Structures are given as structure tokens and as C-alpha cells.
Amino acid sequence: HPSVAWVRYPGLPEDPQHEKAQKYLSGKGGGVVVFGIKSDDAKEAGKQFIDNLTLLLHVANVGDARSLAIHPASTTHSQLSEEQLNDAGIPPDMVRLSIGIESAKDIKADIDQALAKAVQS
């Protein structure tokens, strides 16, 4: 996606955890995807992305039947400086998705529309 700077998903061959996913997850990557939003103001874009989701829920947990999303830099780790975020492996552009059982088409449409609004801000 043109608004995505990077993706971490163990199901992708280029992911550093791909080999472990092959071994422990029977070749599947699991239900969690982490990505960075491509923006000059990544922290604000992350907040806007979350605010514009309509199907995915904004919560900190993972592994629900529903699809969930969080932008750690503006929520769970908002007390940290940008330097501390990066030191902790949480870049300001990072969004975490936990994919549930909704229609893949509906999930993709929600992510696409939220990304479009987040990067236009």
C-alpha cells in the first residue's frame, strides 16, 4: 500500500521471525500484523488512522474474535519521548492490528479508508 512504510508479519518470507513462524505456526503467520504509516508526521497519522477506523476496534489487547487496532505511540506508550519509543522498538509510525473473523474484504476496506484519511491530514 502506498501509505505503508514497512510491514512486520511472520508469514512474510522477509520477516525476521519467518523461520520461527514456519516451525511453530505450521507455516502460518498468525493474526497480528504490525506496520508503519508513511507520513511526515507519523505520530499524528497513527492517531488519525485509529480515529478513522469504523470496523476495527481501538483496544490494546490481541487475540479477540473481532479485529482490533492500536497506535502505541499515542496510547499505551504515550508517556515516552520519541527517542524512548525508538529505543523500545516502538517507532512513532507503528500500528498493530489483531485480525479477527470479519470479512477480509470489509477489514481491507476499513484499513484503506482510514489510511487515506490519516495521510491526507
N, C-alpha and C. Protein backbone atom coordinates (compact mmCIF):
# COMPACT_ATOMS: atom_id res chain seq x y z
N HIS A 1 0.85 -1.18 0.00
CA HIS A 1 0.00 0.00 0.00
C HIS A 1 0.89 1.24 0.00
N PRO A 2 0.58 2.24 -0.79
CA PRO A 2 1.46 3.40 -0.89
C PRO A 2 1.59 4.22 0.39
N SER A 3 0.66 4.06 1.33
CA SER A 3 0.74 4.80 2.59
C SER A 3 1.39 4.00 3.72
N VAL A 4 1.93 2.83 3.39
CA VAL A 4 2.59 1.97 4.38
C VAL A 4 4.09 2.00 4.15
N ALA A 5 4.83 2.36 5.20
CA ALA A 5 6.29 2.47 5.11
C ALA A 5 6.97 1.10 5.25
N TRP A 6 6.43 0.24 6.08
CA TRP A 6 7.04 -1.06 6.35
C TRP A 6 5.98 -1.98 6.97
N VAL A 7 6.24 -3.29 6.93
CA VAL A 7 5.33 -4.29 7.49
C VAL A 7 6.13 -5.34 8.23
N ARG A 8 5.64 -5.74 9.40
CA ARG A 8 6.19 -6.89 10.12
C ARG A 8 5.07 -7.92 10.25
N TYR A 9 5.27 -9.07 9.65
CA TYR A 9 4.31 -10.17 9.71
C TYR A 9 5.09 -11.45 9.50
N PRO A 10 5.12 -12.34 10.47
CA PRO A 10 5.95 -13.53 10.36
C PRO A 10 5.60 -14.46 9.20
N GLY A 11 4.45 -14.26 8.58
CA GLY A 11 4.10 -15.06 7.42
C GLY A 11 4.81 -14.61 6.15
N LEU A 12 5.44 -13.45 6.19
CA LEU A 12 6.18 -12.95 5.03
C LEU A 12 7.61 -13.49 5.04
N PRO A 13 8.10 -13.98 3.91
CA PRO A 13 9.46 -14.55 3.87
C PRO A 13 10.54 -13.57 4.33
N GLU A 14 10.36 -12.27 4.13
CA GLU A 14 11.40 -11.31 4.52
C GLU A 14 11.33 -10.91 6.00
N ASP A 15 10.33 -11.38 6.73
CA ASP A 15 10.22 -11.04 8.15
C ASP A 15 11.28 -11.79 8.95
N PRO A 16 11.93 -11.11 9.92
CA PRO A 16 12.97 -11.77 10.71
C PRO A 16 12.48 -13.00 11.50
N GLN A 17 11.19 -13.08 11.75
CA GLN A 17 10.63 -14.22 12.50
C GLN A 17 9.99 -15.27 11.60
N HIS A 18 10.17 -15.15 10.30
CA HIS A 18 9.54 -16.07 9.36
C HIS A 18 9.91 -17.53 9.61
N GLU A 19 11.17 -17.79 9.86
CA GLU A 19 11.61 -19.16 10.09
C GLU A 19 10.91 -19.76 11.31
N LYS A 20 10.77 -18.97 12.36
CA LYS A 20 10.08 -19.46 13.56
C LYS A 20 8.60 -19.69 13.28
N ALA A 21 8.00 -18.82 12.48
CA ALA A 21 6.59 -19.00 12.12
C ALA A 21 6.40 -20.30 11.35
N GLN A 22 7.35 -20.61 10.48
CA GLN A 22 7.28 -21.86 9.73
C GLN A 22 7.32 -23.05 10.69
N LYS A 23 8.18 -22.96 11.68
CA LYS A 23 8.37 -24.07 12.61
C LYS A 23 7.22 -24.19 13.61
N TYR A 24 6.84 -23.06 14.24
CA TYR A 24 5.89 -23.11 15.36
C TYR A 24 4.44 -22.83 14.98
N LEU A 25 4.23 -22.18 13.85
CA LEU A 25 2.86 -21.83 13.45
C LEU A 25 2.43 -22.58 12.19
N SER A 26 3.05 -23.68 11.92
CA SER A 26 2.72 -24.53 10.77
C SER A 26 2.70 -23.75 9.46
N GLY A 27 3.63 -22.82 9.34
CA GLY A 27 3.75 -22.06 8.10
C GLY A 27 2.81 -20.87 8.01
N LYS A 28 2.02 -20.66 9.04
CA LYS A 28 1.11 -19.50 9.05
C LYS A 28 1.79 -18.37 9.81
N GLY A 29 1.36 -17.16 9.57
CA GLY A 29 1.97 -16.01 10.24
C GLY A 29 1.24 -15.57 11.49
N GLY A 30 0.04 -16.08 11.73
CA GLY A 30 -0.73 -15.64 12.89
C GLY A 30 -1.64 -14.48 12.54
N GLY A 31 -2.32 -13.97 13.53
CA GLY A 31 -3.33 -12.94 13.32
C GLY A 31 -2.89 -11.52 13.61
N VAL A 32 -1.60 -11.31 13.93
CA VAL A 32 -1.14 -9.97 14.28
C VAL A 32 -0.22 -9.44 13.17
N VAL A 33 -0.51 -8.23 12.75
CA VAL A 33 0.28 -7.53 11.73
C VAL A 33 0.69 -6.19 12.31
N VAL A 34 1.94 -5.81 12.12
CA VAL A 34 2.44 -4.51 12.58
C VAL A 34 2.96 -3.78 11.36
N PHE A 35 2.62 -2.50 11.25
CA PHE A 35 3.10 -1.73 10.10
C PHE A 35 3.32 -0.28 10.49
N GLY A 36 4.05 0.42 9.64
CA GLY A 36 4.31 1.84 9.84
C GLY A 36 3.60 2.65 8.78
N ILE A 37 3.01 3.77 9.21
CA ILE A 37 2.33 4.66 8.28
C ILE A 37 3.34 5.65 7.71
N LYS A 38 3.34 5.77 6.40
CA LYS A 38 4.24 6.67 5.70
C LYS A 38 3.67 8.08 5.78
N SER A 39 4.33 8.96 6.55
CA SER A 39 3.85 10.33 6.73
C SER A 39 4.96 11.20 7.28
N ASP A 40 4.90 12.49 7.00
CA ASP A 40 5.86 13.43 7.58
C ASP A 40 5.64 13.58 9.07
N ASP A 41 4.40 13.37 9.54
CA ASP A 41 4.08 13.42 10.97
C ASP A 41 3.46 12.08 11.34
N ALA A 42 4.32 11.08 11.51
CA ALA A 42 3.88 9.70 11.70
C ALA A 42 3.03 9.52 12.95
N LYS A 43 3.38 10.20 14.03
CA LYS A 43 2.61 10.03 15.26
C LYS A 43 1.18 10.54 15.07
N GLU A 44 1.03 11.68 14.45
CA GLU A 44 -0.31 12.23 14.19
C GLU A 44 -1.06 11.35 13.19
N ALA A 45 -0.37 10.86 12.18
CA ALA A 45 -1.01 9.97 11.20
C ALA A 45 -1.51 8.70 11.86
N GLY A 46 -0.73 8.17 12.80
CA GLY A 46 -1.16 6.99 13.54
C GLY A 46 -2.42 7.24 14.33
N LYS A 47 -2.48 8.40 14.99
CA LYS A 47 -3.69 8.76 15.74
C LYS A 47 -4.88 8.90 14.81
N GLN A 48 -4.67 9.56 13.67
CA GLN A 48 -5.75 9.76 12.71
C GLN A 48 -6.22 8.44 12.12
N PHE A 49 -5.30 7.52 11.88
CA PHE A 49 -5.67 6.21 11.37
C PHE A 49 -6.63 5.53 12.34
N ILE A 50 -6.26 5.48 13.60
CA ILE A 50 -7.10 4.84 14.62
C ILE A 50 -8.45 5.54 14.71
N ASP A 51 -8.44 6.86 14.73
CA ASP A 51 -9.69 7.63 14.85
C ASP A 51 -10.64 7.42 13.68
N ASN A 52 -10.11 7.05 12.52
CA ASN A 52 -10.94 6.90 11.33
C ASN A 52 -11.36 5.47 11.03
N LEU A 53 -10.93 4.52 11.82
CA LEU A 53 -11.39 3.14 11.64
C LEU A 53 -12.86 3.05 12.03
N THR A 54 -13.63 2.29 11.28
CA THR A 54 -15.04 2.12 11.60
C THR A 54 -15.40 0.68 11.96
N LEU A 55 -14.66 -0.27 11.44
CA LEU A 55 -14.90 -1.68 11.73
C LEU A 55 -13.95 -2.18 12.81
N LEU A 56 -12.67 -1.94 12.63
CA LEU A 56 -11.68 -2.38 13.61
C LEU A 56 -11.84 -1.57 14.89
N LEU A 57 -11.74 -2.25 16.01
CA LEU A 57 -11.91 -1.61 17.31
C LEU A 57 -10.57 -1.12 17.84
N HIS A 58 -10.59 0.00 18.56
CA HIS A 58 -9.38 0.57 19.13
C HIS A 58 -9.23 0.08 20.57
N VAL A 59 -8.49 -1.01 20.74
CA VAL A 59 -8.22 -1.58 22.06
C VAL A 59 -6.80 -2.12 22.10
N ALA A 60 -6.28 -2.30 23.31
CA ALA A 60 -4.88 -2.71 23.47
C ALA A 60 -4.65 -4.21 23.44
N ASN A 61 -5.70 -5.02 23.61
CA ASN A 61 -5.47 -6.46 23.65
C ASN A 61 -5.35 -7.05 22.24
N VAL A 62 -4.99 -8.32 22.17
CA VAL A 62 -4.91 -9.05 20.91
C VAL A 62 -5.62 -10.39 21.10
N GLY A 63 -5.91 -11.06 20.00
CA GLY A 63 -6.45 -12.40 20.06
C GLY A 63 -7.95 -12.47 20.25
N ASP A 64 -8.67 -11.44 19.93
CA ASP A 64 -10.12 -11.40 20.03
C ASP A 64 -10.72 -11.97 18.75
N ALA A 65 -12.00 -12.28 18.76
CA ALA A 65 -12.68 -12.70 17.53
C ALA A 65 -12.91 -11.50 16.62
N ARG A 66 -12.90 -10.30 17.21
CA ARG A 66 -13.07 -9.07 16.44
C ARG A 66 -11.71 -8.51 16.05
N SER A 67 -11.65 -7.75 14.97
CA SER A 67 -10.40 -7.13 14.55
C SER A 67 -10.15 -5.89 15.41
N LEU A 68 -8.90 -5.76 15.84
CA LEU A 68 -8.51 -4.72 16.78
C LEU A 68 -7.32 -3.95 16.23
N ALA A 69 -7.20 -2.70 16.65
CA ALA A 69 -6.07 -1.87 16.21
C ALA A 69 -5.63 -0.96 17.34
N ILE A 70 -4.33 -0.68 17.38
CA ILE A 70 -3.81 0.27 18.35
C ILE A 70 -2.59 0.97 17.77
N HIS A 71 -2.42 2.22 18.17
CA HIS A 71 -1.24 3.02 17.82
C HIS A 71 -0.51 3.28 19.14
N PRO A 72 0.47 2.43 19.49
CA PRO A 72 1.11 2.52 20.80
C PRO A 72 1.70 3.89 21.14
N ALA A 73 2.27 4.59 20.16
CA ALA A 73 2.92 5.88 20.45
C ALA A 73 1.95 6.93 20.99
N SER A 74 0.67 6.80 20.67
CA SER A 74 -0.30 7.79 21.15
C SER A 74 -1.22 7.23 22.23
N THR A 75 -0.99 5.97 22.63
CA THR A 75 -1.87 5.36 23.64
C THR A 75 -1.04 4.70 24.74
N THR A 76 -0.78 3.43 24.61
CA THR A 76 -0.13 2.66 25.67
C THR A 76 1.26 3.16 26.04
N HIS A 77 1.95 3.81 25.10
CA HIS A 77 3.31 4.30 25.34
C HIS A 77 3.42 5.81 25.14
N SER A 78 2.32 6.51 25.29
CA SER A 78 2.29 7.96 25.00
C SER A 78 3.15 8.78 25.96
N GLN A 79 3.50 8.22 27.12
CA GLN A 79 4.31 8.96 28.09
C GLN A 79 5.78 9.00 27.69
N LEU A 80 6.18 8.23 26.69
CA LEU A 80 7.58 8.17 26.27
C LEU A 80 7.90 9.22 25.23
N SER A 81 9.13 9.69 25.25
CA SER A 81 9.61 10.60 24.21
C SER A 81 9.83 9.82 22.93
N GLU A 82 10.04 10.52 21.82
CA GLU A 82 10.29 9.83 20.55
C GLU A 82 11.55 8.97 20.64
N GLU A 83 12.56 9.48 21.31
CA GLU A 83 13.80 8.71 21.48
C GLU A 83 13.54 7.44 22.29
N GLN A 84 12.76 7.56 23.38
CA GLN A 84 12.45 6.40 24.20
C GLN A 84 11.60 5.39 23.43
N LEU A 85 10.66 5.89 22.62
CA LEU A 85 9.84 5.00 21.80
C LEU A 85 10.73 4.18 20.87
N ASN A 86 11.63 4.86 20.17
CA ASN A 86 12.52 4.17 19.24
C ASN A 86 13.43 3.18 19.97
N ASP A 87 13.94 3.58 21.14
CA ASP A 87 14.79 2.67 21.93
C ASP A 87 14.03 1.42 22.35
N ALA A 88 12.72 1.57 22.58
CA ALA A 88 11.88 0.44 22.99
C ALA A 88 11.38 -0.38 21.80
N GLY A 89 11.76 0.01 20.59
CA GLY A 89 11.31 -0.70 19.40
C GLY A 89 9.90 -0.35 18.99
N ILE A 90 9.46 0.84 19.38
CA ILE A 90 8.11 1.30 19.06
C ILE A 90 8.23 2.62 18.30
N PRO A 91 8.48 2.56 17.00
CA PRO A 91 8.59 3.81 16.24
C PRO A 91 7.25 4.54 16.22
N PRO A 92 7.27 5.86 16.12
CA PRO A 92 6.03 6.65 16.15
C PRO A 92 5.03 6.30 15.06
N ASP A 93 5.48 5.71 13.98
CA ASP A 93 4.57 5.37 12.87
C ASP A 93 3.91 4.00 13.02
N MET A 94 4.25 3.26 14.08
CA MET A 94 3.81 1.87 14.22
C MET A 94 2.35 1.73 14.63
N VAL A 95 1.65 0.86 13.91
CA VAL A 95 0.28 0.47 14.22
C VAL A 95 0.26 -1.05 14.33
N ARG A 96 -0.47 -1.56 15.32
CA ARG A 96 -0.60 -3.00 15.48
C ARG A 96 -2.05 -3.41 15.22
N LEU A 97 -2.22 -4.39 14.38
CA LEU A 97 -3.55 -4.93 14.08
C LEU A 97 -3.61 -6.37 14.57
N SER A 98 -4.72 -6.73 15.16
CA SER A 98 -5.01 -8.11 15.51
C SER A 98 -6.26 -8.45 14.72
N ILE A 99 -6.11 -9.31 13.73
CA ILE A 99 -7.19 -9.57 12.77
C ILE A 99 -8.14 -10.64 13.30
N GLY A 100 -9.42 -10.32 13.22
CA GLY A 100 -10.47 -11.20 13.72
C GLY A 100 -11.15 -11.98 12.60
N ILE A 101 -12.43 -12.27 12.82
CA ILE A 101 -13.15 -13.15 11.91
C ILE A 101 -14.07 -12.41 10.93
N GLU A 102 -14.02 -11.10 10.90
CA GLU A 102 -14.84 -10.37 9.94
C GLU A 102 -14.39 -10.69 8.51
N SER A 103 -15.17 -10.28 7.58
CA SER A 103 -14.84 -10.47 6.17
C SER A 103 -13.51 -9.77 5.84
N ALA A 104 -12.63 -10.49 5.15
CA ALA A 104 -11.36 -9.90 4.74
C ALA A 104 -11.59 -8.66 3.88
N LYS A 105 -12.60 -8.70 3.03
CA LYS A 105 -12.93 -7.55 2.19
C LYS A 105 -13.30 -6.34 3.04
N ASP A 106 -14.09 -6.54 4.09
CA ASP A 106 -14.51 -5.45 4.96
C ASP A 106 -13.33 -4.90 5.78
N ILE A 107 -12.47 -5.80 6.25
CA ILE A 107 -11.28 -5.37 7.01
C ILE A 107 -10.38 -4.52 6.13
N LYS A 108 -10.12 -5.00 4.93
CA LYS A 108 -9.26 -4.27 3.99
C LYS A 108 -9.86 -2.91 3.66
N ALA A 109 -11.15 -2.85 3.41
CA ALA A 109 -11.81 -1.58 3.08
C ALA A 109 -11.68 -0.59 4.23
N ASP A 110 -11.83 -1.06 5.46
CA ASP A 110 -11.72 -0.17 6.61
C ASP A 110 -10.30 0.36 6.76
N ILE A 111 -9.32 -0.53 6.61
CA ILE A 111 -7.91 -0.10 6.69
C ILE A 111 -7.59 0.89 5.58
N ASP A 112 -8.03 0.62 4.37
CA ASP A 112 -7.76 1.51 3.23
C ASP A 112 -8.34 2.90 3.46
N GLN A 113 -9.60 2.98 3.90
CA GLN A 113 -10.21 4.30 4.07
C GLN A 113 -9.57 5.06 5.24
N ALA A 114 -9.19 4.35 6.31
CA ALA A 114 -8.55 5.01 7.46
C ALA A 114 -7.16 5.50 7.10
N LEU A 115 -6.42 4.71 6.30
CA LEU A 115 -5.09 5.15 5.85
C LEU A 115 -5.22 6.40 4.97
N ALA A 116 -6.18 6.40 4.06
CA ALA A 116 -6.36 7.55 3.17
C ALA A 116 -6.62 8.82 3.98
N LYS A 117 -7.44 8.73 4.99
CA LYS A 117 -7.75 9.90 5.83
C LYS A 117 -6.56 10.29 6.70
N ALA A 118 -5.81 9.31 7.17
CA ALA A 118 -4.68 9.58 8.06
C ALA A 118 -3.55 10.31 7.34
N VAL A 119 -3.30 9.96 6.11
CA VAL A 119 -2.16 10.59 5.41
C VAL A 119 -2.54 11.88 4.72
N GLN A 120 -3.82 12.16 4.58
CA GLN A 120 -4.24 13.43 3.99
C GLN A 120 -4.26 14.55 5.01
N SER A 121 -4.26 14.20 6.32
CA SER A 121 -4.33 15.20 7.40
C SER A 121 -3.09 16.05 7.45
